[in-house]
């Protein structure tokens, strides 16, 4: 599954989006979350969308996948919601593999090495 065009969000684009959020909602949100954390959420979002899209295309519920890969449902919801604080890297890896997105995820990782590293290091605070 090859990405089409600019499917992944780079750091510069994430910074622009963060600035737009600051302008629209005030800086309070990004201050509370932390600017880098906010940018990481934005850059992770394509992974969240792709997982949800593929799961739904396969006609699977969160509950069915959770049962199949033996993880709590809330861990999969965290991935699909880009809730970085609650994502466990091993669960993310199992979910991506289960959905058949391993090659696609490697492409995302190559474009987002710093975000990937922070996901592996855990935990986001």
PDB file of N, CA and C in Angstrom:
ATOM      1  N   UNK A   1       0.831  -1.166   0.000  1.00  0.00           N
ATOM      2  CA  UNK A   1       0.000   0.000   0.000  1.00  0.00           C
ATOM      3  C   UNK A   1       0.886   1.242   0.000  1.00  0.00           C
ATOM      4  N   UNK A   2       1.070   1.850  -1.120  1.00  0.00           N
ATOM      5  CA  UNK A   2       1.926   3.031  -1.238  1.00  0.00           C
ATOM      6  C   UNK A   2       1.142   4.286  -0.887  1.00  0.00           C
ATOM      7  N   UNK A   3       1.805   5.211  -0.167  1.00  0.00           N
ATOM      8  CA  UNK A   3       1.132   6.469   0.122  1.00  0.00           C
ATOM      9  C   UNK A   3       0.926   7.271  -1.148  1.00  0.00           C
ATOM     10  N   UNK A   4      -0.180   7.979  -1.213  1.00  0.00           N
ATOM     11  CA  UNK A   4      -0.472   8.823  -2.368  1.00  0.00           C
ATOM     12  C   UNK A   4      -0.064  10.250  -2.050  1.00  0.00           C
ATOM     13  N   UNK A   5       0.747  10.822  -2.921  1.00  0.00           N
ATOM     14  CA  UNK A   5       1.104  12.226  -2.766  1.00  0.00           C
ATOM     15  C   UNK A   5       1.690  12.529  -1.405  1.00  0.00           C
ATOM     16  N   UNK A   6       1.175  13.546  -0.767  1.00  0.00           N
ATOM     17  CA  UNK A   6       1.673  13.999   0.524  1.00  0.00           C
ATOM     18  C   UNK A   6       0.785  13.452   1.641  1.00  0.00           C
ATOM     19  N   UNK A   7       0.776  12.149   1.774  1.00  0.00           N
ATOM     20  CA  UNK A   7      -0.077  11.496   2.767  1.00  0.00           C
ATOM     21  C   UNK A   7       0.426  11.715   4.188  1.00  0.00           C
ATOM     22  N   UNK A   8       1.729  11.887   4.333  1.00  0.00           N
ATOM     23  CA  UNK A   8       2.313  12.059   5.654  1.00  0.00           C
ATOM     24  C   UNK A   8       2.553  13.535   5.925  1.00  0.00           C
ATOM     25  N   UNK A   9       2.395  13.917   7.180  1.00  0.00           N
ATOM     26  CA  UNK A   9       2.567  15.300   7.593  1.00  0.00           C
ATOM     27  C   UNK A   9       3.972  15.459   8.152  1.00  0.00           C
ATOM     28  N   UNK A  10       4.741  16.377   7.558  1.00  0.00           N
ATOM     29  CA  UNK A  10       6.100  16.606   8.057  1.00  0.00           C
ATOM     30  C   UNK A  10       6.077  17.611   9.200  1.00  0.00           C
ATOM     31  N   UNK A  11       7.240  17.819   9.803  1.00  0.00           N
ATOM     32  CA  UNK A  11       7.344  18.692  10.966  1.00  0.00           C
ATOM     33  C   UNK A  11       6.957  20.131  10.633  1.00  0.00           C
ATOM     34  N   UNK A  12       7.358  20.625   9.468  1.00  0.00           N
ATOM     35  CA  UNK A  12       7.028  22.001   9.078  1.00  0.00           C
ATOM     36  C   UNK A  12       5.516  22.185   8.940  1.00  0.00           C
ATOM     37  N   UNK A  13       4.870  21.232   8.302  1.00  0.00           N
ATOM     38  CA  UNK A  13       3.419  21.301   8.143  1.00  0.00           C
ATOM     39  C   UNK A  13       2.727  21.195   9.495  1.00  0.00           C
ATOM     40  N   UNK A  14       3.226  20.314  10.359  1.00  0.00           N
ATOM     41  CA  UNK A  14       2.654  20.180  11.707  1.00  0.00           C
ATOM     42  C   UNK A  14       2.800  21.486  12.478  1.00  0.00           C
ATOM     43  N   UNK A  15       3.919  22.163  12.309  1.00  0.00           N
ATOM     44  CA  UNK A  15       4.126  23.457  12.973  1.00  0.00           C
ATOM     45  C   UNK A  15       3.123  24.484  12.459  1.00  0.00           C
ATOM     46  N   UNK A  16       2.882  24.507  11.150  1.00  0.00           N
ATOM     47  CA  UNK A  16       1.896  25.436  10.579  1.00  0.00           C
ATOM     48  C   UNK A  16       0.503  25.153  11.129  1.00  0.00           C
ATOM     49  N   UNK A  17       0.148  23.877  11.211  1.00  0.00           N
ATOM     50  CA  UNK A  17      -1.162  23.503  11.748  1.00  0.00           C
ATOM     51  C   UNK A  17      -1.270  23.919  13.215  1.00  0.00           C
ATOM     52  N   UNK A  18      -0.205  23.694  13.973  1.00  0.00           N
ATOM     53  CA  UNK A  18      -0.180  24.081  15.378  1.00  0.00           C
ATOM     54  C   UNK A  18      -0.376  25.591  15.522  1.00  0.00           C
ATOM     55  N   UNK A  19       0.273  26.358  14.642  1.00  0.00           N
ATOM     56  CA  UNK A  19       0.098  27.821  14.667  1.00  0.00           C
ATOM     57  C   UNK A  19      -1.335  28.213  14.346  1.00  0.00           C
ATOM     58  N   UNK A  20      -1.952  27.515  13.396  1.00  0.00           N
ATOM     59  CA  UNK A  20      -3.355  27.786  13.067  1.00  0.00           C
ATOM     60  C   UNK A  20      -4.264  27.471  14.258  1.00  0.00           C
ATOM     61  N   UNK A  21      -3.965  26.394  14.960  1.00  0.00           N
ATOM     62  CA  UNK A  21      -4.730  26.047  16.154  1.00  0.00           C
ATOM     63  C   UNK A  21      -4.552  27.139  17.206  1.00  0.00           C
ATOM     64  N   UNK A  22      -3.309  27.606  17.371  1.00  0.00           N
ATOM     65  CA  UNK A  22      -3.043  28.695  18.312  1.00  0.00           C
ATOM     66  C   UNK A  22      -3.882  29.919  17.972  1.00  0.00           C
ATOM     67  N   UNK A  23      -3.933  30.244  16.690  1.00  0.00           N
ATOM     68  CA  UNK A  23      -4.681  31.417  16.237  1.00  0.00           C
ATOM     69  C   UNK A  23      -6.181  31.231  16.453  1.00  0.00           C
ATOM     70  N   UNK A  24      -6.677  30.046  16.111  1.00  0.00           N
ATOM     71  CA  UNK A  24      -8.115  29.796  16.196  1.00  0.00           C
ATOM     72  C   UNK A  24      -8.606  29.617  17.634  1.00  0.00           C
ATOM     73  N   UNK A  25      -7.835  28.905  18.432  1.00  0.00           N
ATOM     74  CA  UNK A  25      -8.304  28.551  19.777  1.00  0.00           C
ATOM     75  C   UNK A  25      -7.536  29.244  20.896  1.00  0.00           C
ATOM     76  N   UNK A  26      -6.508  29.967  20.537  1.00  0.00           N
ATOM     77  CA  UNK A  26      -5.647  30.562  21.549  1.00  0.00           C
ATOM     78  C   UNK A  26      -4.531  29.590  21.906  1.00  0.00           C
ATOM     79  N   UNK A  27      -3.477  30.109  22.446  1.00  0.00           N
ATOM     80  CA  UNK A  27      -2.302  29.281  22.731  1.00  0.00           C
ATOM     81  C   UNK A  27      -2.461  28.391  23.948  1.00  0.00           C
ATOM     82  N   UNK A  28      -3.530  28.537  24.661  1.00  0.00           N
ATOM     83  CA  UNK A  28      -3.739  27.766  25.875  1.00  0.00           C
ATOM     84  C   UNK A  28      -3.669  26.262  25.630  1.00  0.00           C
ATOM     85  N   UNK A  29      -4.300  25.808  24.554  1.00  0.00           N
ATOM     86  CA  UNK A  29      -4.332  24.373  24.260  1.00  0.00           C
ATOM     87  C   UNK A  29      -2.930  23.820  24.023  1.00  0.00           C
ATOM     88  N   UNK A  30      -2.168  24.444  23.130  1.00  0.00           N
ATOM     89  CA  UNK A  30      -0.828  23.920  22.843  1.00  0.00           C
ATOM     90  C   UNK A  30       0.121  24.125  24.015  1.00  0.00           C
ATOM     91  N   UNK A  31      -0.127  25.135  24.836  1.00  0.00           N
ATOM     92  CA  UNK A  31       0.685  25.306  26.048  1.00  0.00           C
ATOM     93  C   UNK A  31       0.431  24.159  27.017  1.00  0.00           C
ATOM     94  N   UNK A  32      -0.857  23.811  27.186  1.00  0.00           N
ATOM     95  CA  UNK A  32      -1.202  22.733  28.110  1.00  0.00           C
ATOM     96  C   UNK A  32      -0.675  21.386  27.623  1.00  0.00           C
ATOM     97  N   UNK A  33      -0.809  21.147  26.343  1.00  0.00           N
ATOM     98  CA  UNK A  33      -0.350  19.870  25.790  1.00  0.00           C
ATOM     99  C   UNK A  33       1.156  19.833  25.613  1.00  0.00           C
ATOM    100  N   UNK A  34       1.722  20.965  25.304  1.00  0.00           N
ATOM    101  CA  UNK A  34       3.128  21.031  24.930  1.00  0.00           C
ATOM    102  C   UNK A  34       3.211  21.084  23.417  1.00  0.00           C
ATOM    103  N   UNK A  35       3.962  22.016  22.908  1.00  0.00           N
ATOM    104  CA  UNK A  35       4.022  22.237  21.466  1.00  0.00           C
ATOM    105  C   UNK A  35       4.492  20.985  20.719  1.00  0.00           C
ATOM    106  N   UNK A  36       5.550  20.340  21.182  1.00  0.00           N
ATOM    107  CA  UNK A  36       6.047  19.135  20.496  1.00  0.00           C
ATOM    108  C   UNK A  36       5.021  18.010  20.552  1.00  0.00           C
ATOM    109  N   UNK A  37       4.339  17.875  21.701  1.00  0.00           N
ATOM    110  CA  UNK A  37       3.306  16.848  21.823  1.00  0.00           C
ATOM    111  C   UNK A  37       2.187  17.107  20.824  1.00  0.00           C
ATOM    112  N   UNK A  38       1.772  18.370  20.700  1.00  0.00           N
ATOM    113  CA  UNK A  38       0.717  18.732  19.741  1.00  0.00           C
ATOM    114  C   UNK A  38       1.140  18.401  18.317  1.00  0.00           C
ATOM    115  N   UNK A  39       2.383  18.720  17.979  1.00  0.00           N
ATOM    116  CA  UNK A  39       2.879  18.417  16.628  1.00  0.00           C
ATOM    117  C   UNK A  39       2.951  16.908  16.409  1.00  0.00           C
ATOM    118  N   UNK A  40       3.344  16.153  17.417  1.00  0.00           N
ATOM    119  CA  UNK A  40       3.403  14.693  17.282  1.00  0.00           C
ATOM    120  C   UNK A  40       2.012  14.114  17.047  1.00  0.00           C
ATOM    121  N   UNK A  41       1.004  14.653  17.735  1.00  0.00           N
ATOM    122  CA  UNK A  41      -0.367  14.184  17.525  1.00  0.00           C
ATOM    123  C   UNK A  41      -0.789  14.423  16.075  1.00  0.00           C
ATOM    124  N   UNK A  42      -0.449  15.581  15.562  1.00  0.00           N
ATOM    125  CA  UNK A  42      -0.792  15.924  14.182  1.00  0.00           C
ATOM    126  C   UNK A  42      -0.066  14.998  13.213  1.00  0.00           C
ATOM    127  N   UNK A  43       1.198  14.726  13.472  1.00  0.00           N
ATOM    128  CA  UNK A  43       1.978  13.870  12.578  1.00  0.00           C
ATOM    129  C   UNK A  43       1.571  12.403  12.686  1.00  0.00           C
ATOM    130  N   UNK A  44       1.049  11.981  13.845  1.00  0.00           N
ATOM    131  CA  UNK A  44       0.585  10.599  14.021  1.00  0.00           C
ATOM    132  C   UNK A  44      -0.789  10.387  13.402  1.00  0.00           C
ATOM    133  N   UNK A  45      -1.534  11.440  13.214  1.00  0.00           N
ATOM    134  CA  UNK A  45      -2.922  11.334  12.759  1.00  0.00           C
ATOM    135  C   UNK A  45      -3.110  10.470  11.501  1.00  0.00           C
ATOM    136  N   UNK A  46      -2.227  10.536  10.487  1.00  0.00           N
ATOM    137  CA  UNK A  46      -2.411   9.641   9.336  1.00  0.00           C
ATOM    138  C   UNK A  46      -2.396   8.156   9.721  1.00  0.00           C
ATOM    139  N   UNK A  47      -1.618   7.796  10.729  1.00  0.00           N
ATOM    140  CA  UNK A  47      -1.596   6.405  11.199  1.00  0.00           C
ATOM    141  C   UNK A  47      -2.955   6.064  11.802  1.00  0.00           C
ATOM    142  N   UNK A  48      -3.466   6.957  12.624  1.00  0.00           N
ATOM    143  CA  UNK A  48      -4.772   6.746  13.253  1.00  0.00           C
ATOM    144  C   UNK A  48      -5.861   6.582  12.195  1.00  0.00           C
ATOM    145  N   UNK A  49      -5.858   7.471  11.222  1.00  0.00           N
ATOM    146  CA  UNK A  49      -6.868   7.415  10.154  1.00  0.00           C
ATOM    147  C   UNK A  49      -6.760   6.128   9.349  1.00  0.00           C
ATOM    148  N   UNK A  50      -5.542   5.758   8.995  1.00  0.00           N
ATOM    149  CA  UNK A  50      -5.331   4.562   8.171  1.00  0.00           C
ATOM    150  C   UNK A  50      -5.775   3.304   8.920  1.00  0.00           C
ATOM    151  N   UNK A  51      -5.440   3.206  10.195  1.00  0.00           N
ATOM    152  CA  UNK A  51      -5.866   2.038  10.972  1.00  0.00           C
ATOM    153  C   UNK A  51      -7.387   1.940  11.014  1.00  0.00           C
ATOM    154  N   UNK A  52      -8.033   3.052  11.309  1.00  0.00           N
ATOM    155  CA  UNK A  52      -9.499   3.046  11.379  1.00  0.00           C
ATOM    156  C   UNK A  52     -10.112   2.706  10.027  1.00  0.00           C
ATOM    157  N   UNK A  53      -9.592   3.320   8.981  1.00  0.00           N
ATOM    158  CA  UNK A  53     -10.110   3.079   7.622  1.00  0.00           C
ATOM    159  C   UNK A  53     -10.005   1.606   7.242  1.00  0.00           C
ATOM    160  N   UNK A  54      -8.844   1.026   7.422  1.00  0.00           N
ATOM    161  CA  UNK A  54      -8.630  -0.372   7.030  1.00  0.00           C
ATOM    162  C   UNK A  54      -9.472  -1.308   7.894  1.00  0.00           C
ATOM    163  N   UNK A  55      -9.534  -1.031   9.200  1.00  0.00           N
ATOM    164  CA  UNK A  55     -10.371  -1.866  10.081  1.00  0.00           C
ATOM    165  C   UNK A  55     -11.820  -1.849   9.609  1.00  0.00           C
ATOM    166  N   UNK A  56     -12.318  -0.663   9.299  1.00  0.00           N
ATOM    167  CA  UNK A  56     -13.707  -0.552   8.844  1.00  0.00           C
ATOM    168  C   UNK A  56     -13.905  -1.209   7.482  1.00  0.00           C
ATOM    169  N   UNK A  57     -12.941  -1.056   6.581  1.00  0.00           N
ATOM    170  CA  UNK A  57     -13.041  -1.703   5.265  1.00  0.00           C
ATOM    171  C   UNK A  57     -13.088  -3.220   5.398  1.00  0.00           C
ATOM    172  N   UNK A  58     -12.417  -3.743   6.410  1.00  0.00           N
ATOM    173  CA  UNK A  58     -12.432  -5.191   6.644  1.00  0.00           C
ATOM    174  C   UNK A  58     -13.701  -5.628   7.376  1.00  0.00           C
ATOM    175  N   UNK A  59     -14.539  -4.654   7.747  1.00  0.00           N
ATOM    176  CA  UNK A  59     -15.790  -4.965   8.429  1.00  0.00           C
ATOM    177  C   UNK A  59     -15.599  -5.422   9.861  1.00  0.00           C
ATOM    178  N   UNK A  60     -14.536  -4.955  10.494  1.00  0.00           N
ATOM    179  CA  UNK A  60     -14.230  -5.367  11.860  1.00  0.00           C
ATOM    180  C   UNK A  60     -14.568  -4.272  12.859  1.00  0.00           C
ATOM    181  N   UNK A  61     -15.013  -4.683  14.038  1.00  0.00           N
ATOM    182  CA  UNK A  61     -15.228  -3.740  15.123  1.00  0.00           C
ATOM    183  C   UNK A  61     -13.956  -3.689  15.973  1.00  0.00           C
ATOM    184  N   UNK A  62     -13.859  -2.650  16.781  1.00  0.00           N
ATOM    185  CA  UNK A  62     -12.739  -2.552  17.729  1.00  0.00           C
ATOM    186  C   UNK A  62     -12.730  -3.796  18.632  1.00  0.00           C
ATOM    187  N   UNK A  63     -13.909  -4.203  19.070  1.00  0.00           N
ATOM    188  CA  UNK A  63     -14.014  -5.357  19.962  1.00  0.00           C
ATOM    189  C   UNK A  63     -13.470  -6.626  19.309  1.00  0.00           C
ATOM    190  N   UNK A  64     -13.805  -6.838  18.031  1.00  0.00           N
ATOM    191  CA  UNK A  64     -13.320  -8.028  17.321  1.00  0.00           C
ATOM    192  C   UNK A  64     -11.793  -8.030  17.211  1.00  0.00           C
ATOM    193  N   UNK A  65     -11.238  -6.880  16.871  1.00  0.00           N
ATOM    194  CA  UNK A  65      -9.776  -6.798  16.737  1.00  0.00           C
ATOM    195  C   UNK A  65      -9.119  -6.987  18.096  1.00  0.00           C
ATOM    196  N   UNK A  66      -9.662  -6.322  19.113  1.00  0.00           N
ATOM    197  CA  UNK A  66      -9.104  -6.437  20.465  1.00  0.00           C
ATOM    198  C   UNK A  66      -9.077  -7.892  20.921  1.00  0.00           C
ATOM    199  N   UNK A  67     -10.143  -8.614  20.642  1.00  0.00           N
ATOM    200  CA  UNK A  67     -10.211 -10.028  21.002  1.00  0.00           C
ATOM    201  C   UNK A  67      -9.173 -10.830  20.217  1.00  0.00           C
ATOM    202  N   UNK A  68      -9.045 -10.534  18.938  1.00  0.00           N
ATOM    203  CA  UNK A  68      -8.100 -11.272  18.083  1.00  0.00           C
ATOM    204  C   UNK A  68      -6.648 -11.079  18.498  1.00  0.00           C
ATOM    205  N   UNK A  69      -6.286  -9.832  18.847  1.00  0.00           N
ATOM    206  CA  UNK A  69      -4.871  -9.588  19.185  1.00  0.00           C
ATOM    207  C   UNK A  69      -4.643  -9.528  20.696  1.00  0.00           C
ATOM    208  N   UNK A  70      -5.720  -9.806  21.449  1.00  0.00           N
ATOM    209  CA  UNK A  70      -5.646  -9.923  22.912  1.00  0.00           C
ATOM    210  C   UNK A  70      -5.120  -8.651  23.589  1.00  0.00           C
ATOM    211  N   UNK A  71      -5.799  -7.527  23.284  1.00  0.00           N
ATOM    212  CA  UNK A  71      -5.498  -6.259  23.942  1.00  0.00           C
ATOM    213  C   UNK A  71      -6.825  -5.595  24.343  1.00  0.00           C
ATOM    214  N   UNK A  72      -6.791  -4.722  25.344  1.00  0.00           N
ATOM    215  CA  UNK A  72      -8.026  -4.017  25.708  1.00  0.00           C
ATOM    216  C   UNK A  72      -8.485  -3.093  24.578  1.00  0.00           C
ATOM    217  N   UNK A  73      -9.787  -2.970  24.441  1.00  0.00           N
ATOM    218  CA  UNK A  73     -10.356  -2.122  23.394  1.00  0.00           C
ATOM    219  C   UNK A  73      -9.878  -0.680  23.503  1.00  0.00           C
ATOM    220  N   UNK A  74      -9.732  -0.168  24.727  1.00  0.00           N
ATOM    221  CA  UNK A  74      -9.347   1.232  24.883  1.00  0.00           C
ATOM    222  C   UNK A  74      -7.954   1.515  24.306  1.00  0.00           C
ATOM    223  N   UNK A  75      -7.117   0.508  24.245  1.00  0.00           N
ATOM    224  CA  UNK A  75      -5.780   0.706  23.646  1.00  0.00           C
ATOM    225  C   UNK A  75      -5.897   0.924  22.136  1.00  0.00           C
ATOM    226  N   UNK A  76      -6.801   0.221  21.494  1.00  0.00           N
ATOM    227  CA  UNK A  76      -7.015   0.407  20.054  1.00  0.00           C
ATOM    228  C   UNK A  76      -7.708   1.739  19.784  1.00  0.00           C
ATOM    229  N   UNK A  77      -8.642   2.109  20.650  1.00  0.00           N
ATOM    230  CA  UNK A  77      -9.303   3.421  20.497  1.00  0.00           C
ATOM    231  C   UNK A  77      -8.288   4.541  20.630  1.00  0.00           C
ATOM    232  N   UNK A  78      -7.333   4.386  21.535  1.00  0.00           N
ATOM    233  CA  UNK A  78      -6.288   5.405  21.716  1.00  0.00           C
ATOM    234  C   UNK A  78      -5.507   5.598  20.421  1.00  0.00           C
ATOM    235  N   UNK A  79      -5.216   4.510  19.737  1.00  0.00           N
ATOM    236  CA  UNK A  79      -4.496   4.592  18.462  1.00  0.00           C
ATOM    237  C   UNK A  79      -5.353   5.330  17.442  1.00  0.00           C
ATOM    238  N   UNK A  80      -6.598   4.938  17.306  1.00  0.00           N
ATOM    239  CA  UNK A  80      -7.477   5.547  16.302  1.00  0.00           C
ATOM    240  C   UNK A  80      -7.843   6.992  16.641  1.00  0.00           C
ATOM    241  N   UNK A  81      -7.678   7.389  17.890  1.00  0.00           N
ATOM    242  CA  UNK A  81      -7.957   8.766  18.307  1.00  0.00           C
ATOM    243  C   UNK A  81      -6.694   9.620  18.390  1.00  0.00           C
ATOM    244  N   UNK A  82      -5.554   9.056  18.046  1.00  0.00           N
ATOM    245  CA  UNK A  82      -4.255   9.751  18.165  1.00  0.00           C
ATOM    246  C   UNK A  82      -3.989  10.194  19.601  1.00  0.00           C
ATOM    247  N   UNK A  83      -4.435   9.412  20.567  1.00  0.00           N
ATOM    248  CA  UNK A  83      -4.227   9.729  21.987  1.00  0.00           C
ATOM    249  C   UNK A  83      -2.871   9.180  22.417  1.00  0.00           C
ATOM    250  N   UNK A  84      -1.830   9.896  22.076  1.00  0.00           N
ATOM    251  CA  UNK A  84      -0.469   9.408  22.254  1.00  0.00           C
ATOM    252  C   UNK A  84      -0.150   8.983  23.682  1.00  0.00           C
ATOM    253  N   UNK A  85      -0.713   9.649  24.647  1.00  0.00           N
ATOM    254  CA  UNK A  85      -0.417   9.315  26.053  1.00  0.00           C
ATOM    255  C   UNK A  85      -0.839   7.891  26.415  1.00  0.00           C
ATOM    256  N   UNK A  86      -1.788   7.343  25.684  1.00  0.00           N
ATOM    257  CA  UNK A  86      -2.339   6.042  26.035  1.00  0.00           C
ATOM    258  C   UNK A  86      -1.954   4.933  25.054  1.00  0.00           C
ATOM    259  N   UNK A  87      -1.113   5.271  24.089  1.00  0.00           N
ATOM    260  CA  UNK A  87      -0.681   4.281  23.098  1.00  0.00           C
ATOM    261  C   UNK A  87       0.522   3.524  23.640  1.00  0.00           C
ATOM    262  N   UNK A  88       0.404   2.214  23.629  1.00  0.00           N
ATOM    263  CA  UNK A  88       1.548   1.361  23.948  1.00  0.00           C
ATOM    264  C   UNK A  88       2.144   0.903  22.624  1.00  0.00           C
ATOM    265  N   UNK A  89       3.447   1.051  22.503  1.00  0.00           N
ATOM    266  CA  UNK A  89       4.093   0.769  21.234  1.00  0.00           C
ATOM    267  C   UNK A  89       3.862  -0.665  20.773  1.00  0.00           C
ATOM    268  N   UNK A  90       3.962  -1.620  21.680  1.00  0.00           N
ATOM    269  CA  UNK A  90       3.772  -3.016  21.271  1.00  0.00           C
ATOM    270  C   UNK A  90       2.355  -3.267  20.763  1.00  0.00           C
ATOM    271  N   UNK A  91       1.368  -2.579  21.346  1.00  0.00           N
ATOM    272  CA  UNK A  91      -0.015  -2.708  20.880  1.00  0.00           C
ATOM    273  C   UNK A  91      -0.153  -2.082  19.493  1.00  0.00           C
ATOM    274  N   UNK A  92       0.453  -0.916  19.311  1.00  0.00           N
ATOM    275  CA  UNK A  92       0.434  -0.263  17.991  1.00  0.00           C
ATOM    276  C   UNK A  92       1.019  -1.194  16.941  1.00  0.00           C
ATOM    277  N   UNK A  93       2.151  -1.781  17.228  1.00  0.00           N
ATOM    278  CA  UNK A  93       2.819  -2.682  16.280  1.00  0.00           C
ATOM    279  C   UNK A  93       1.921  -3.876  15.952  1.00  0.00           C
ATOM    280  N   UNK A  94       1.322  -4.474  16.968  1.00  0.00           N
ATOM    281  CA  UNK A  94       0.437  -5.630  16.744  1.00  0.00           C
ATOM    282  C   UNK A  94      -0.783  -5.245  15.915  1.00  0.00           C
ATOM    283  N   UNK A  95      -1.335  -4.068  16.185  1.00  0.00           N
ATOM    284  CA  UNK A  95      -2.514  -3.595  15.455  1.00  0.00           C
ATOM    285  C   UNK A  95      -2.177  -3.351  13.992  1.00  0.00           C
ATOM    286  N   UNK A  96      -1.067  -2.671  13.758  1.00  0.00           N
ATOM    287  CA  UNK A  96      -0.619  -2.389  12.388  1.00  0.00           C
ATOM    288  C   UNK A  96      -0.379  -3.696  11.631  1.00  0.00           C
ATOM    289  N   UNK A  97       0.283  -4.642  12.261  1.00  0.00           N
ATOM    290  CA  UNK A  97       0.548  -5.936  11.622  1.00  0.00           C
ATOM    291  C   UNK A  97      -0.758  -6.681  11.335  1.00  0.00           C
ATOM    292  N   UNK A  98      -1.666  -6.694  12.301  1.00  0.00           N
ATOM    293  CA  UNK A  98      -2.949  -7.373  12.143  1.00  0.00           C
ATOM    294  C   UNK A  98      -3.722  -6.817  10.945  1.00  0.00           C
ATOM    295  N   UNK A  99      -3.666  -5.497  10.766  1.00  0.00           N
ATOM    296  CA  UNK A  99      -4.396  -4.849   9.674  1.00  0.00           C
ATOM    297  C   UNK A  99      -3.686  -4.964   8.329  1.00  0.00           C
ATOM    298  N   UNK A 100      -2.470  -5.502   8.325  1.00  0.00           N
ATOM    299  CA  UNK A 100      -1.721  -5.626   7.072  1.00  0.00           C
ATOM    300  C   UNK A 100      -1.102  -4.311   6.624  1.00  0.00           C
ATOM    301  N   UNK A 101      -0.807  -3.444   7.581  1.00  0.00           N
ATOM    302  CA  UNK A 101      -0.260  -2.121   7.267  1.00  0.00           C
ATOM    303  C   UNK A 101       1.233  -1.990   7.565  1.00  0.00           C
ATOM    304  N   UNK A 102       1.913  -3.105   7.738  1.00  0.00           N
ATOM    305  CA  UNK A 102       3.312  -3.070   8.134  1.00  0.00           C
ATOM    306  C   UNK A 102       4.163  -2.265   7.159  1.00  0.00           C
ATOM    307  N   UNK A 103       4.056  -2.526   5.857  1.00  0.00           N
ATOM    308  CA  UNK A 103       4.864  -1.800   4.871  1.00  0.00           C
ATOM    309  C   UNK A 103       4.510  -0.314   4.856  1.00  0.00           C
ATOM    310  N   UNK A 104       3.232  -0.003   4.936  1.00  0.00           N
ATOM    311  CA  UNK A 104       2.792   1.390   4.968  1.00  0.00           C
ATOM    312  C   UNK A 104       3.342   2.095   6.209  1.00  0.00           C
ATOM    313  N   UNK A 105       3.297   1.402   7.352  1.00  0.00           N
ATOM    314  CA  UNK A 105       3.782   1.975   8.603  1.00  0.00           C
ATOM    315  C   UNK A 105       5.287   2.231   8.538  1.00  0.00           C
ATOM    316  N   UNK A 106       6.014   1.362   7.880  1.00  0.00           N
ATOM    317  CA  UNK A 106       7.460   1.581   7.715  1.00  0.00           C
ATOM    318  C   UNK A 106       7.713   2.867   6.926  1.00  0.00           C
ATOM    319  N   UNK A 107       6.904   3.116   5.913  1.00  0.00           N
ATOM    320  CA  UNK A 107       7.035   4.373   5.157  1.00  0.00           C
ATOM    321  C   UNK A 107       6.739   5.576   6.047  1.00  0.00           C
ATOM    322  N   UNK A 108       5.695   5.471   6.866  1.00  0.00           N
ATOM    323  CA  UNK A 108       5.386   6.557   7.805  1.00  0.00           C
ATOM    324  C   UNK A 108       6.554   6.771   8.762  1.00  0.00           C
ATOM    325  N   UNK A 109       7.060   5.669   9.312  1.00  0.00           N
ATOM    326  CA  UNK A 109       8.177   5.743  10.263  1.00  0.00           C
ATOM    327  C   UNK A 109       9.386   6.433   9.644  1.00  0.00           C
ATOM    328  N   UNK A 110       9.689   6.112   8.400  1.00  0.00           N
ATOM    329  CA  UNK A 110      10.837   6.718   7.730  1.00  0.00           C
ATOM    330  C   UNK A 110      10.698   8.229   7.591  1.00  0.00           C
ATOM    331  N   UNK A 111       9.472   8.715   7.492  1.00  0.00           N
ATOM    332  CA  UNK A 111       9.217  10.159   7.381  1.00  0.00           C
ATOM    333  C   UNK A 111       9.052  10.818   8.755  1.00  0.00           C
ATOM    334  N   UNK A 112       8.905  10.020   9.787  1.00  0.00           N
ATOM    335  CA  UNK A 112       8.606  10.541  11.131  1.00  0.00           C
ATOM    336  C   UNK A 112       9.460   9.862  12.193  1.00  0.00           C
ATOM    337  N   UNK A 113      10.750   9.751  11.940  1.00  0.00           N
ATOM    338  CA  UNK A 113      11.641   9.018  12.844  1.00  0.00           C
ATOM    339  C   UNK A 113      11.618   9.545  14.271  1.00  0.00           C
ATOM    340  N   UNK A 114      11.545  10.873  14.418  1.00  0.00           N
ATOM    341  CA  UNK A 114      11.539  11.440  15.766  1.00  0.00           C
ATOM    342  C   UNK A 114      10.254  11.106  16.516  1.00  0.00           C
ATOM    343  N   UNK A 115       9.125  11.161  15.851  1.00  0.00           N
ATOM    344  CA  UNK A 115       7.851  10.810  16.481  1.00  0.00           C
ATOM    345  C   UNK A 115       7.848   9.317  16.820  1.00  0.00           C
ATOM    346  N   UNK A 116       8.311   8.505  15.895  1.00  0.00           N
ATOM    347  CA  UNK A 116       8.398   7.054  16.102  1.00  0.00           C
ATOM    348  C   UNK A 116       9.265   6.751  17.328  1.00  0.00           C
ATOM    349  N   UNK A 117      10.403   7.416  17.431  1.00  0.00           N
ATOM    350  CA  UNK A 117      11.311   7.206  18.563  1.00  0.00           C
ATOM    351  C   UNK A 117      10.617   7.556  19.879  1.00  0.00           C
ATOM    352  N   UNK A 118       9.904   8.680  19.903  1.00  0.00           N
ATOM    353  CA  UNK A 118       9.211   9.085  21.128  1.00  0.00           C
ATOM    354  C   UNK A 118       8.082   8.106  21.470  1.00  0.00           C
ATOM    355  N   UNK A 119       7.407   7.566  20.465  1.00  0.00           N
ATOM    356  CA  UNK A 119       6.375   6.554  20.724  1.00  0.00           C
ATOM    357  C   UNK A 119       6.988   5.308  21.361  1.00  0.00           C
ATOM    358  N   UNK A 120       8.139   4.914  20.878  1.00  0.00           N
ATOM    359  CA  UNK A 120       8.804   3.723  21.421  1.00  0.00           C
ATOM    360  C   UNK A 120       9.321   3.968  22.844  1.00  0.00           C
ATOM    361  N   UNK A 121       9.828   5.176  23.083  1.00  0.00           N
ATOM    362  CA  UNK A 121      10.422   5.484  24.378  1.00  0.00           C
ATOM    363  C   UNK A 121       9.391   5.563  25.489  1.00  0.00           C
ATOM    364  N   UNK A 122       8.246   6.165  25.190  1.00  0.00           N
ATOM    365  CA  UNK A 122       7.138   6.277  26.126  1.00  0.00           C
ATOM    366  C   UNK A 122       7.605   6.682  27.498  1.00  0.00           C
ATOM    367  N   UNK A 123       6.823   7.142  28.343  1.00  0.00           N
ATOM    368  CA  UNK A 123       5.486   7.618  28.041  1.00  0.00           C
ATOM    369  C   UNK A 123       5.481   9.105  27.714  1.00  0.00           C
ATOM    370  N   UNK A 124       4.513   9.512  26.930  1.00  0.00           N
ATOM    371  CA  UNK A 124       4.270  10.926  26.729  1.00  0.00           C
ATOM    372  C   UNK A 124       3.690  11.449  28.026  1.00  0.00           C
ATOM    373  N   UNK A 125       4.060  12.638  28.397  1.00  0.00           N
ATOM    374  CA  UNK A 125       3.530  13.210  29.652  1.00  0.00           C
ATOM    375  C   UNK A 125       2.663  14.386  29.362  1.00  0.00           C
TER     376      UNK A 125
END
